[in-house]
Protein backbone atom coordinates (compact mmCIF):
# COMPACT_ATOMS: atom_id res chain seq x y z
CA MET A 1 -2.57 8.78 -15.05
CA THR A 2 -4.40 8.81 -11.73
CA THR A 3 -2.79 11.10 -9.15
CA LEU A 4 -4.04 11.29 -5.57
CA LEU A 5 -3.20 14.20 -3.31
CA GLY A 6 -2.74 14.54 0.42
CA ARG A 7 -1.60 17.49 2.47
CA ARG A 8 2.13 16.81 2.05
CA ILE A 9 2.24 13.90 -0.37
CA SER A 10 1.13 12.87 -3.83
CA LEU A 11 0.49 9.34 -5.05
CA ARG A 12 0.79 8.20 -8.66
CA PRO A 13 1.58 5.01 -10.55
CA LEU A 14 5.29 4.30 -10.81
CA THR A 15 6.96 4.45 -14.23
CA VAL A 16 10.32 3.23 -15.52
CA GLY A 17 11.57 6.78 -14.98
CA ASP A 18 11.23 6.21 -11.21
CA PHE A 19 13.62 3.25 -11.21
CA LYS A 20 16.71 5.11 -9.98
CA GLN A 21 14.92 6.64 -6.94
CA TRP A 22 13.01 3.41 -6.24
CA ARG A 23 16.20 1.30 -6.39
CA GLU A 24 18.10 3.69 -4.08
CA VAL A 25 15.36 3.49 -1.43
CA ARG A 26 14.95 -0.28 -1.75
CA ARG A 27 18.71 -0.86 -1.48
CA ARG A 28 19.14 1.45 1.51
CA CYS A 29 16.08 0.03 3.33
CA HIS A 30 16.69 -3.64 2.52
CA ASP A 31 17.00 -4.78 6.15
CA TRP A 32 14.03 -2.59 7.17
CA LEU A 33 11.69 -4.04 4.49
CA VAL A 34 12.64 -7.66 3.75
CA PRO A 35 11.41 -9.18 7.07
CA TRP A 36 7.85 -8.06 6.16
CA GLU A 37 7.67 -9.08 2.49
CA PRO A 38 7.13 -12.28 0.50
CA ARG A 39 10.32 -13.98 -0.63
CA ARG A 40 11.20 -13.60 -4.31
CA ALA A 41 10.47 -16.84 -6.18
CA PRO A 42 13.50 -18.82 -7.41
CA GLY A 43 14.50 -17.71 -10.90
CA GLN A 44 12.39 -14.54 -10.69
CA PRO A 45 14.37 -11.43 -11.66
CA ASP A 46 15.27 -8.96 -8.94
CA THR A 47 13.26 -5.77 -9.58
CA VAL A 48 15.63 -3.84 -7.30
CA GLU A 49 18.70 -4.56 -9.41
CA ASP A 50 17.22 -5.18 -12.87
CA ARG A 51 15.75 -2.16 -14.66
CA ASP A 52 14.02 -4.44 -17.19
CA ALA A 53 12.35 -6.40 -14.39
CA PHE A 54 11.20 -3.12 -12.85
CA ALA A 55 9.80 -2.09 -16.27
CA VAL A 56 7.87 -5.39 -16.43
CA ARG A 57 6.53 -4.69 -12.92
CA CYS A 58 5.37 -1.22 -14.02
CA SER A 59 3.70 -2.75 -17.11
CA ALA A 60 1.96 -5.37 -14.97
CA ARG A 61 0.63 -2.65 -12.66
CA ARG A 62 -0.54 -0.63 -15.67
CA ARG A 63 -2.38 -3.71 -16.97
CA GLU A 64 -4.00 -4.23 -13.53
CA ARG A 65 -5.24 -0.62 -13.63
CA GLN A 66 -6.67 -1.17 -17.12
CA LEU A 67 -8.47 -4.31 -15.95
CA GLY A 68 -9.57 -2.68 -12.69
CA THR A 69 -7.98 -5.47 -10.62
CA GLY A 70 -5.26 -3.44 -8.90
CA PHE A 71 -4.03 0.10 -8.36
CA GLY A 72 -0.42 0.65 -7.37
CA PHE A 73 0.86 4.04 -6.26
CA GLY A 74 4.27 5.46 -5.52
CA VAL A 75 4.22 7.92 -2.63
CA PHE A 76 6.12 11.18 -3.15
CA THR A 77 6.81 14.21 -0.99
CA ASP A 78 8.29 17.30 -2.63
CA GLY A 79 8.88 15.13 -5.71
CA VAL A 80 10.96 12.60 -3.75
CA PHE A 81 9.91 8.94 -3.79
CA ILE A 82 9.34 7.64 -0.23
CA GLY A 83 7.27 4.45 -0.52
CA GLU A 84 4.30 2.66 -2.02
CA VAL A 85 0.65 1.96 -1.35
CA ASN A 86 -0.91 -0.84 -3.37
CA VAL A 87 -4.56 -1.76 -3.77
CA SER A 88 -4.64 -5.36 -4.94
CA ALA A 89 -6.99 -8.25 -5.68
CA VAL A 90 -9.96 -5.99 -6.40
CA HIS A 91 -13.04 -8.22 -6.30
CA ARG A 92 -16.27 -7.09 -7.88
CA GLY A 93 -19.63 -8.86 -7.85
CA PRO A 94 -21.02 -9.34 -4.34
CA PHE A 95 -17.64 -8.59 -2.71
CA GLN A 96 -16.68 -5.11 -4.00
CA SER A 97 -13.52 -5.36 -1.93
CA ALA A 98 -9.74 -5.13 -2.11
CA TYR A 99 -6.58 -5.52 -0.07
CA VAL A 100 -4.28 -2.61 0.74
CA GLY A 101 -0.57 -2.91 1.43
CA TYR A 102 2.09 -0.29 2.03
CA TRP A 103 5.74 0.33 2.81
CA ILE A 104 7.84 3.44 3.46
CA ASP A 105 11.45 4.53 3.34
CA GLU A 106 12.83 4.00 6.86
CA LYS A 107 14.09 7.60 7.09
CA HIS A 108 10.53 8.87 6.51
CA ALA A 109 8.80 6.42 8.89
CA GLY A 110 6.86 7.81 11.83
CA LYS A 111 6.11 11.16 10.18
CA GLY A 112 2.50 10.38 9.27
CA PHE A 113 3.08 10.07 5.52
CA ILE A 114 1.51 6.60 5.23
CA PRO A 115 -1.67 7.39 7.22
CA GLU A 116 -2.04 10.45 4.98
CA ALA A 117 -1.51 8.31 1.87
CA LEU A 118 -4.00 5.72 3.10
CA VAL A 119 -6.75 8.30 3.64
CA ALA A 120 -6.21 9.52 0.05
CA VAL A 121 -6.38 5.89 -1.13
CA PHE A 122 -9.52 5.19 0.93
CA ARG A 123 -11.22 8.19 -0.68
CA PHE A 124 -10.22 6.93 -4.15
CA CYS A 125 -11.37 3.36 -3.44
CA PHE A 126 -14.71 4.22 -1.87
CA GLU A 127 -15.65 7.29 -3.92
CA ASP A 128 -14.07 6.66 -7.34
CA LEU A 129 -13.97 2.85 -7.50
CA SER A 130 -17.20 2.36 -5.49
CA LEU A 131 -15.69 -0.43 -3.41
CA HIS A 132 -17.49 -1.57 -0.27
CA ARG A 133 -14.64 -2.92 1.86
CA LEU A 134 -10.86 -2.65 2.22
CA GLU A 135 -8.61 -4.91 4.25
CA ILE A 136 -5.08 -4.40 5.55
CA ALA A 137 -3.30 -7.47 6.97
CA ILE A 138 -0.25 -7.01 9.23
CA ILE A 139 2.10 -9.43 11.01
CA PRO A 140 1.32 -9.00 14.73
CA ARG A 141 4.92 -8.15 15.70
CA ASN A 142 5.20 -5.42 13.02
CA LYS A 143 4.60 -2.62 15.49
CA ALA A 144 5.45 0.21 13.06
CA SER A 145 2.89 -0.96 10.51
CA ARG A 146 0.26 -1.56 13.17
CA ARG A 147 0.75 1.99 14.48
CA VAL A 148 -0.35 3.26 11.05
CA VAL A 149 -3.76 1.56 11.18
CA GLU A 150 -4.18 2.39 14.86
CA LYS A 151 -3.62 6.10 14.10
CA LEU A 152 -6.48 5.80 11.61
CA GLY A 153 -8.69 3.90 14.04
CA LEU A 154 -9.29 0.95 11.70
CA ARG A 155 -11.32 -1.96 13.00
CA ASP A 156 -9.31 -4.99 14.20
CA GLU A 157 -10.98 -8.10 12.76
CA GLY A 158 -8.77 -10.63 14.52
CA ILE A 159 -5.92 -12.96 13.65
CA ALA A 160 -5.77 -15.00 10.46
CA GLU A 161 -3.42 -17.90 11.17
CA ARG A 162 -0.62 -18.64 8.69
CA TYR A 163 -2.26 -16.12 6.37
CA LEU A 164 0.58 -15.11 4.03
CA GLU A 165 4.04 -16.37 3.14
CA ILE A 166 6.46 -13.71 4.33
CA ASN A 167 10.21 -14.06 3.83
CA GLY A 168 9.80 -17.84 3.47
CA VAL A 169 7.52 -18.38 6.52
CA TRP A 170 3.74 -18.70 6.71
CA GLU A 171 2.94 -15.85 9.08
CA ASP A 172 -0.16 -15.02 11.12
CA HIS A 173 -1.66 -11.61 10.32
CA VAL A 174 -3.97 -9.24 12.14
CA ARG A 175 -6.72 -8.25 9.70
CA TYR A 176 -7.95 -4.66 9.80
CA GLY A 177 -11.01 -3.57 7.85
CA ILE A 178 -12.92 -0.50 6.82
CA THR A 179 -16.20 -0.41 4.91
CA VAL A 180 -17.79 2.35 2.88
CA GLU A 181 -20.36 2.79 5.66
CA GLU A 182 -17.53 3.48 8.13
CA TRP A 183 -15.87 5.78 5.59
CA GLU A 184 -19.07 7.79 5.18
CA VAL A 185 -19.31 8.29 8.95
CA ARG A 186 -15.60 9.10 9.40
CA ARG A 187 -14.71 10.74 6.05
CA ALA A 188 -14.79 14.37 7.29
CA GLU A 189 -12.77 13.54 10.42
CA LEU A 190 -10.11 11.49 8.55
CA GLN A 191 -9.76 14.01 5.73
CA ALA A 192 -9.53 16.97 8.11
CA GLU A 193 -6.87 15.22 10.19
CA TRP A 194 -4.74 13.79 7.38
CA VAL A 195 -5.28 15.25 3.90
CA GLU A 196 -6.93 18.68 3.92
């Protein structure tokens, strides 16, 4: 199992054994998280309330890792689950790119855990997976999420109109990017500031 380390956090794939902690955080942070997430499809089981649905989610993520198409990580500090960072839609061929998404427990927001986790994920994606480009897309009014990428100094690539369905609405997103060339220039600085 791939484990990534930061200064204060560790990242690893979630397992069924994480369900109780994951459910507690998702229940408690429902109002904090739902406005920024896709709506659950009708008839789709609720992974927050259904352990079996969570197990299927973990299996799907494991399969993505095996295929090299996605890499999902739970974020932990002192063994306590506090959020997720997911690398999805890994494209090979001439693209060598992926999308990165994240969320954090509201009571741990603003403490620098997600920027730290992202630097660990960037290192993994560029150095272990040999990807060329990563993209993070954020709803313009999501100030907390935008602060994360601004702390890291990621490049703003502009607005993609009606980019993703979020909570039942097609929302515009600001697209932020980082390439391996930028990582190579900034690696020492980012690692010294966030993970070493």
